[in-house]
N, C-alpha and C. Protein backbone atom coordinates (compact mmCIF):
# COMPACT_ATOMS: atom_id res chain seq x y z
N MET A 1 -120.15 63.15 44.90
CA MET A 1 -119.53 61.61 46.07
C MET A 1 -119.40 60.17 45.47
N SER A 2 -119.04 59.35 45.43
CA SER A 2 -119.19 57.56 44.96
C SER A 2 -119.76 57.45 46.27
N PRO A 3 -120.92 56.53 46.15
CA PRO A 3 -121.24 55.68 47.00
C PRO A 3 -120.12 55.10 47.83
N ARG A 4 -121.01 54.91 49.27
CA ARG A 4 -119.85 53.95 50.08
C ARG A 4 -119.64 52.46 49.52
N PRO A 5 -118.27 51.59 49.71
CA PRO A 5 -118.35 50.52 49.07
C PRO A 5 -119.13 49.43 49.95
N HIS A 6 -119.12 48.52 50.54
CA HIS A 6 -119.63 47.31 50.70
C HIS A 6 -118.77 46.79 51.66
N ALA A 7 -117.51 46.44 50.80
CA ALA A 7 -116.37 45.40 50.99
C ALA A 7 -116.22 45.62 52.88
N ASN A 8 -115.95 46.56 53.33
CA ASN A 8 -115.83 46.79 55.21
C ASN A 8 -117.39 47.18 55.82
N ASP A 9 -118.50 47.03 55.31
CA ASP A 9 -119.16 47.33 56.16
C ASP A 9 -119.83 46.00 56.34
N ARG A 10 -120.29 45.87 57.67
CA ARG A 10 -121.05 44.82 58.37
C ARG A 10 -122.50 44.29 58.03
N HIS A 11 -122.93 43.64 57.70
CA HIS A 11 -124.24 43.16 56.80
C HIS A 11 -125.05 42.70 58.08
N GLY A 12 -126.58 43.62 57.68
CA GLY A 12 -127.30 44.09 58.93
C GLY A 12 -126.75 44.77 59.90
N ALA A 13 -126.27 45.84 59.64
CA ALA A 13 -125.46 46.29 60.75
C ALA A 13 -126.07 47.81 61.02
N GLY A 14 -126.59 48.02 62.85
CA GLY A 14 -127.31 48.90 62.60
C GLY A 14 -126.75 50.36 62.70
N ASP A 15 -127.66 51.44 63.42
CA ASP A 15 -126.46 52.76 63.06
C ASP A 15 -125.27 52.50 63.47
N ASP A 16 -124.85 52.22 64.65
CA ASP A 16 -123.73 52.17 64.91
C ASP A 16 -122.76 51.03 63.90
N GLY A 17 -123.07 50.97 63.27
CA GLY A 17 -122.28 49.83 62.29
C GLY A 17 -121.94 48.54 63.04
N LEU A 18 -122.46 48.29 63.68
CA LEU A 18 -122.32 46.97 64.99
C LEU A 18 -123.30 45.88 64.55
N VAL A 19 -123.36 44.72 64.14
CA VAL A 19 -124.17 43.46 64.06
C VAL A 19 -124.32 42.85 65.38
N PRO A 20 -125.75 42.61 66.13
CA PRO A 20 -125.60 42.28 67.07
C PRO A 20 -124.82 40.90 67.86
N LEU A 21 -124.11 41.04 68.98
CA LEU A 21 -123.22 39.90 68.95
C LEU A 21 -122.07 39.70 68.30
N GLN A 22 -121.74 41.05 67.56
CA GLN A 22 -120.31 40.49 66.79
C GLN A 22 -119.31 40.36 67.57
N GLU A 23 -119.14 41.12 68.61
CA GLU A 23 -117.62 40.28 69.46
C GLU A 23 -117.54 38.87 69.90
N GLU A 24 -118.72 38.51 70.09
CA GLU A 24 -119.15 37.15 70.20
C GLU A 24 -118.75 35.76 69.27
N LEU A 25 -119.06 36.77 67.92
CA LEU A 25 -119.05 35.97 66.64
C LEU A 25 -117.34 36.22 66.74
N ASP A 26 -117.03 37.05 66.71
CA ASP A 26 -115.59 37.33 66.35
C ASP A 26 -114.55 35.87 67.17
N ALA A 27 -115.27 35.93 68.41
CA ALA A 27 -114.39 34.75 69.45
C ALA A 27 -114.04 33.56 69.22
N ILE A 28 -115.40 33.27 68.64
CA ILE A 28 -115.50 31.74 68.32
C ILE A 28 -115.22 31.91 67.03
N ALA A 29 -115.39 32.41 66.29
CA ALA A 29 -115.01 32.22 64.54
C ALA A 29 -114.24 33.75 63.71
N PRO A 30 -113.14 33.95 64.68
CA PRO A 30 -112.59 35.21 64.07
C PRO A 30 -112.57 36.07 62.61
N GLY A 31 -112.65 34.71 61.96
CA GLY A 31 -112.05 34.89 60.03
C GLY A 31 -113.53 35.05 59.58
N LEU A 32 -114.59 34.76 60.20
CA LEU A 32 -115.66 34.76 59.51
C LEU A 32 -116.21 35.75 59.10
N ASN A 33 -115.80 36.83 59.70
CA ASN A 33 -116.57 38.44 59.15
C ASN A 33 -116.09 38.85 58.15
N GLU A 34 -114.82 38.77 58.16
CA GLU A 34 -113.91 39.23 57.05
C GLU A 34 -113.64 38.48 55.87
N ALA A 35 -114.02 37.18 55.69
CA ALA A 35 -114.46 36.58 54.71
C ALA A 35 -115.77 36.62 54.72
N GLN A 36 -116.59 37.12 54.93
CA GLN A 36 -117.53 37.65 54.37
C GLN A 36 -117.74 38.88 53.49
N ASN A 37 -117.14 39.72 54.64
CA ASN A 37 -116.68 41.13 54.04
C ASN A 37 -116.03 40.83 52.02
N SER A 38 -114.87 40.08 52.34
CA SER A 38 -114.64 39.81 51.35
C SER A 38 -114.91 39.36 50.17
N TRP A 39 -116.14 37.80 50.22
CA TRP A 39 -117.04 37.29 49.46
C TRP A 39 -118.15 38.83 48.96
N LEU A 40 -118.53 39.80 50.38
CA LEU A 40 -119.63 40.58 49.37
C LEU A 40 -118.41 42.06 48.89
N ALA A 41 -117.42 42.11 48.69
CA ALA A 41 -116.58 43.11 48.04
C ALA A 41 -116.78 42.17 46.57
N GLN A 42 -117.06 40.81 46.50
CA GLN A 42 -116.97 40.49 44.74
C GLN A 42 -117.83 40.61 44.35
N ILE A 43 -119.25 40.17 45.06
CA ILE A 43 -120.36 40.38 44.78
C ILE A 43 -120.33 42.10 44.07
N ASP A 44 -119.76 42.87 45.09
CA ASP A 44 -120.11 44.33 44.66
C ASP A 44 -119.38 44.52 43.45
N SER A 45 -118.34 43.51 43.01
CA SER A 45 -117.44 43.82 41.41
C SER A 45 -117.97 43.65 40.36
N LEU A 46 -119.32 43.00 40.33
CA LEU A 46 -120.05 42.47 39.20
C LEU A 46 -120.41 43.67 38.24
N ARG A 47 -120.09 43.15 37.01
CA ARG A 47 -120.58 44.12 36.06
C ARG A 47 -122.05 44.51 35.72
N GLY A 48 -122.88 43.53 36.44
CA GLY A 48 -124.06 43.80 36.08
C GLY A 48 -124.66 42.99 37.00
N PRO A 49 -126.00 43.52 37.31
CA PRO A 49 -126.45 44.78 36.86
C PRO A 49 -126.07 45.97 37.79
N ASP A 50 -126.35 47.40 37.02
CA ASP A 50 -125.91 48.60 37.47
C ASP A 50 -126.15 48.43 39.04
N ARG A 51 -125.10 49.95 39.70
CA ARG A 51 -125.21 49.71 41.04
C ARG A 51 -126.48 50.08 41.14
N LYS A 52 -127.04 50.59 41.03
CA LYS A 52 -127.87 51.26 41.23
C LYS A 52 -129.51 49.99 41.56
N THR A 53 -129.25 49.28 40.28
CA THR A 53 -130.41 48.20 40.25
C THR A 53 -129.96 47.07 41.44
N HIS A 54 -128.47 46.80 41.33
CA HIS A 54 -128.09 46.11 42.69
C HIS A 54 -128.55 46.53 43.48
N GLU A 55 -128.32 47.67 43.94
CA GLU A 55 -128.55 47.74 45.57
C GLU A 55 -130.67 47.78 45.95
N LEU A 56 -131.05 48.08 44.74
CA LEU A 56 -132.56 48.20 44.63
C LEU A 56 -133.43 46.34 44.78
N ILE A 57 -132.07 45.61 44.17
CA ILE A 57 -132.52 44.28 44.31
C ILE A 57 -132.65 43.60 46.06
N ARG A 58 -130.83 44.08 46.25
CA ARG A 58 -130.63 43.68 47.88
C ARG A 58 -131.46 44.66 49.06
N MET A 59 -132.49 46.08 48.76
CA MET A 59 -133.21 45.98 49.51
C MET A 59 -134.29 45.38 48.99
N VAL A 60 -135.12 45.10 48.25
CA VAL A 60 -135.91 44.06 48.28
C VAL A 60 -135.82 42.69 49.16
N CYS A 61 -134.72 42.45 48.64
CA CYS A 61 -134.38 41.18 49.27
C CYS A 61 -134.89 41.15 51.21
N THR A 62 -134.04 42.56 51.86
CA THR A 62 -134.03 42.74 52.75
C THR A 62 -135.98 42.92 53.33
N VAL A 63 -136.14 43.52 52.58
CA VAL A 63 -137.89 43.56 52.48
C VAL A 63 -138.49 42.19 52.72
N ILE A 64 -138.34 41.33 51.77
CA ILE A 64 -138.52 39.97 52.30
C ILE A 64 -137.96 39.35 53.39
N LEU A 65 -136.95 39.18 53.74
CA LEU A 65 -136.54 38.93 54.99
C LEU A 65 -137.01 39.98 56.09
N ARG A 66 -137.58 40.53 56.17
CA ARG A 66 -138.17 41.85 57.25
C ARG A 66 -137.07 41.90 57.63
N ASN A 67 -136.31 42.67 57.21
CA ASN A 67 -134.96 43.14 57.86
C ASN A 67 -134.58 44.64 57.75
N PRO A 68 -135.63 45.56 58.96
CA PRO A 68 -135.72 46.64 58.77
C PRO A 68 -134.33 47.63 58.32
N PRO A 69 -133.37 47.42 59.42
CA PRO A 69 -131.94 47.86 59.49
C PRO A 69 -131.22 47.45 57.84
N GLY A 70 -131.59 46.73 57.42
CA GLY A 70 -131.44 45.96 55.75
C GLY A 70 -132.04 47.06 54.56
N VAL A 71 -132.98 47.49 55.30
CA VAL A 71 -134.06 48.15 54.29
C VAL A 71 -133.29 49.52 54.14
N GLN A 72 -133.27 49.90 55.17
CA GLN A 72 -132.64 51.40 55.43
C GLN A 72 -131.27 51.56 54.85
N ARG A 73 -130.46 50.34 54.94
CA ARG A 73 -129.08 51.09 54.32
C ARG A 73 -129.17 50.55 53.10
N HIS A 74 -130.13 49.82 52.48
CA HIS A 74 -129.94 49.74 50.67
C HIS A 74 -130.57 50.53 49.92
N ALA A 75 -131.47 51.13 50.95
CA ALA A 75 -132.32 51.93 50.12
C ALA A 75 -131.53 53.78 50.08
N MET A 76 -130.72 53.41 51.33
CA MET A 76 -129.54 54.93 51.53
C MET A 76 -128.52 54.66 50.28
N PHE A 77 -128.54 53.43 50.04
CA PHE A 77 -127.12 53.28 48.84
C PHE A 77 -127.72 53.60 47.42
N ALA A 78 -128.92 52.89 47.83
CA ALA A 78 -129.53 53.10 46.19
C ALA A 78 -129.83 54.36 45.76
N ALA A 79 -129.98 55.31 46.66
CA ALA A 79 -130.21 56.66 46.60
C ALA A 79 -129.10 57.26 46.44
N GLU A 80 -127.79 57.02 46.93
CA GLU A 80 -126.56 57.81 47.01
C GLU A 80 -125.82 57.35 45.48
N VAL A 81 -126.96 56.47 44.65
CA VAL A 81 -126.29 56.10 43.49
C VAL A 81 -127.69 57.11 42.44
N GLY A 82 -128.02 57.27 42.53
CA GLY A 82 -129.23 58.11 42.00
C GLY A 82 -130.73 57.45 41.99
N ALA A 83 -131.13 56.40 42.66
CA ALA A 83 -132.45 56.03 42.90
C ALA A 83 -133.73 56.70 43.25
N THR A 84 -134.45 57.16 42.57
CA THR A 84 -136.00 58.02 43.38
C THR A 84 -136.54 57.35 44.06
N TRP A 85 -136.77 58.25 45.13
CA TRP A 85 -138.02 57.82 46.19
C TRP A 85 -139.25 56.88 45.34
N GLU A 86 -139.42 57.34 44.15
CA GLU A 86 -140.64 56.40 43.33
C GLU A 86 -139.74 55.21 43.04
N GLU A 87 -138.60 55.04 42.74
CA GLU A 87 -138.10 53.69 42.23
C GLU A 87 -137.68 53.04 43.71
N ILE A 88 -137.52 53.14 44.93
CA ILE A 88 -137.10 52.66 45.61
C ILE A 88 -138.59 52.21 46.76
N LEU A 89 -139.71 53.07 46.10
CA LEU A 89 -141.39 52.56 46.70
C LEU A 89 -141.46 51.43 45.63
N GLY A 90 -141.76 51.71 44.06
CA GLY A 90 -142.32 50.75 43.17
C GLY A 90 -141.24 49.29 43.82
N ALA A 91 -140.32 49.48 43.63
CA ALA A 91 -139.35 48.33 44.05
C ALA A 91 -139.86 47.71 45.33
N ILE A 92 -140.26 48.14 46.35
CA ILE A 92 -141.01 47.25 47.92
C ILE A 92 -142.41 47.24 46.83
N VAL A 93 -143.10 47.84 46.91
CA VAL A 93 -144.53 47.41 46.28
C VAL A 93 -144.80 46.27 45.27
N LEU A 94 -143.90 45.74 44.58
CA LEU A 94 -143.43 44.63 43.88
C LEU A 94 -143.49 43.59 44.63
N THR A 95 -143.18 43.39 46.17
CA THR A 95 -143.02 42.73 47.11
C THR A 95 -144.59 42.39 47.10
N GLU A 96 -145.35 43.14 47.44
CA GLU A 96 -146.48 42.98 47.91
C GLU A 96 -147.23 41.46 47.37
N PRO A 97 -147.58 41.34 46.32
CA PRO A 97 -148.47 40.13 45.62
C PRO A 97 -147.46 39.25 46.38
N ALA A 98 -146.84 38.25 46.23
CA ALA A 98 -145.84 37.06 46.65
C ALA A 98 -145.70 37.03 48.57
N PHE A 99 -145.66 38.17 48.83
CA PHE A 99 -145.06 38.10 50.23
C PHE A 99 -146.33 39.22 51.35
N GLY A 100 -147.06 39.74 50.70
CA GLY A 100 -147.89 40.47 51.31
C GLY A 100 -147.66 42.14 51.48
N LEU A 101 -148.69 42.84 52.04
CA LEU A 101 -148.85 44.11 52.19
C LEU A 101 -148.37 44.66 53.58
N LEU A 102 -148.54 43.85 54.43
CA LEU A 102 -148.15 43.66 55.58
C LEU A 102 -146.20 44.36 55.50
N GLN A 103 -145.33 43.40 54.79
CA GLN A 103 -144.23 43.51 55.05
C GLN A 103 -143.98 44.98 54.20
N VAL A 104 -144.97 45.56 53.10
CA VAL A 104 -144.82 46.96 52.36
C VAL A 104 -145.28 48.13 53.56
N TYR A 105 -145.60 47.88 54.11
CA TYR A 105 -145.94 48.86 55.23
C TYR A 105 -144.93 49.24 56.22
N GLU A 106 -144.31 48.08 56.79
CA GLU A 106 -143.25 47.53 57.30
C GLU A 106 -141.95 48.26 56.99
N ALA A 107 -141.31 48.46 55.60
CA ALA A 107 -140.47 48.61 55.25
C ALA A 107 -140.61 49.96 55.03
N LEU A 108 -141.55 50.78 54.46
CA LEU A 108 -141.73 51.91 53.78
C LEU A 108 -141.16 52.96 55.19
N PRO A 109 -140.80 53.11 56.79
CA PRO A 109 -140.28 54.27 57.17
C PRO A 109 -138.77 53.86 56.93
N TRP A 110 -138.48 52.59 57.04
CA TRP A 110 -137.48 52.50 56.98
C TRP A 110 -136.61 52.88 55.64
N ALA A 111 -137.24 52.37 54.81
CA ALA A 111 -137.17 52.86 53.21
C ALA A 111 -136.46 54.40 53.51
N ARG A 112 -137.52 55.01 53.31
CA ARG A 112 -137.73 56.40 53.56
C ARG A 112 -136.50 57.05 54.15
N ARG A 113 -136.43 56.76 55.50
CA ARG A 113 -135.14 56.70 56.20
C ARG A 113 -133.73 57.00 55.92
N GLY A 114 -133.88 55.96 54.94
CA GLY A 114 -132.25 55.44 54.26
C GLY A 114 -132.61 56.00 52.91
N TYR A 115 -133.60 56.37 52.63
CA TYR A 115 -133.70 57.61 50.87
C TYR A 115 -132.93 58.98 51.32
N GLU A 116 -133.66 59.48 52.88
CA GLU A 116 -133.25 60.81 53.20
C GLU A 116 -132.01 60.62 53.37
N ARG A 117 -131.14 59.66 53.93
CA ARG A 117 -129.88 59.94 54.44
C ARG A 117 -128.61 59.53 53.30
N GLY A 118 -129.28 59.30 52.15
CA GLY A 118 -128.72 58.68 51.21
C GLY A 118 -128.68 59.92 50.21
N ARG A 119 -129.84 61.17 50.10
CA ARG A 119 -129.77 62.05 49.29
C ARG A 119 -129.05 63.03 49.73
N SER A 120 -129.01 62.89 51.17
CA SER A 120 -128.49 64.08 51.83
C SER A 120 -126.83 63.27 51.96
N ALA A 121 -126.75 62.40 51.80
CA ALA A 121 -124.74 62.18 51.67
C ALA A 121 -124.58 62.03 50.42
N VAL A 122 -125.01 62.68 49.40
CA VAL A 122 -125.03 63.09 48.02
C VAL A 122 -124.98 64.70 47.97
N GLY A 123 -125.79 65.14 48.89
CA GLY A 123 -125.66 66.61 48.77
C GLY A 123 -127.57 67.08 47.80
N ASP A 124 -128.49 66.22 47.88
CA ASP A 124 -129.79 66.37 47.27
C ASP A 124 -130.92 66.36 48.02
N ALA A 125 -130.23 66.66 49.16
CA ALA A 125 -131.54 66.61 50.46
C ALA A 125 -132.85 67.03 50.10
N GLY A 126 -133.95 66.85 49.72
CA GLY A 126 -134.72 67.87 49.65
C GLY A 126 -135.07 67.33 48.14
N GLN A 127 -134.42 66.87 47.41
CA GLN A 127 -134.82 66.77 45.93
C GLN A 127 -135.26 65.17 45.63
N ASP A 128 -136.25 65.30 44.70
CA ASP A 128 -137.52 64.09 44.04
C ASP A 128 -137.77 63.47 45.57
N THR A 129 -138.06 64.44 46.34
CA THR A 129 -139.15 63.74 47.72
C THR A 129 -140.68 64.22 47.13
N PRO A 130 -141.62 63.32 47.95
CA PRO A 130 -143.12 63.73 46.99
C PRO A 130 -143.39 64.94 47.54
N THR A 131 -143.05 65.94 48.56
CA THR A 131 -143.54 67.38 48.81
C THR A 131 -142.72 67.83 47.91
N ALA A 132 -141.58 68.12 47.73
CA ALA A 132 -141.01 68.49 46.61
C ALA A 132 -141.01 68.55 44.95
N GLN A 133 -142.20 67.56 44.71
CA GLN A 133 -142.67 66.98 43.30
C GLN A 133 -144.28 67.53 43.77
N GLY A 134 -144.47 68.18 44.56
CA GLY A 134 -145.98 68.74 44.45
C GLY A 134 -146.52 66.94 44.22
N ASN A 135 -146.27 65.64 44.45
CA ASN A 135 -147.52 65.12 45.15
C ASN A 135 -147.82 64.85 46.68
């Protein structure tokens, strides 16, 4: 199963796929969301870095921005393209020296949920988790 594309996703969307106040934004700027989705699709077409690294970078950016739904979303996409829990955790921990330990702790449950959703979407539920590895 290939990962879901970003092109029609709503950046920062919750579990229901809606950005808070999206209808109000569409009423005053009807083309804004469509233009942003088009722009994000172009970013997704970059040849480098590879898609897994791309998602890990995006996830780290959402950790820094303290955007828990974004952390979950990009951890899920990273898992869908093969990122291990160790890679996701390591990427988040790399933010600690510059942005603090609190952001790491806040991001972890969201990242874990995203990781588990991503692995289950590709049929690898239970693989590469600390309990499965004996950690």
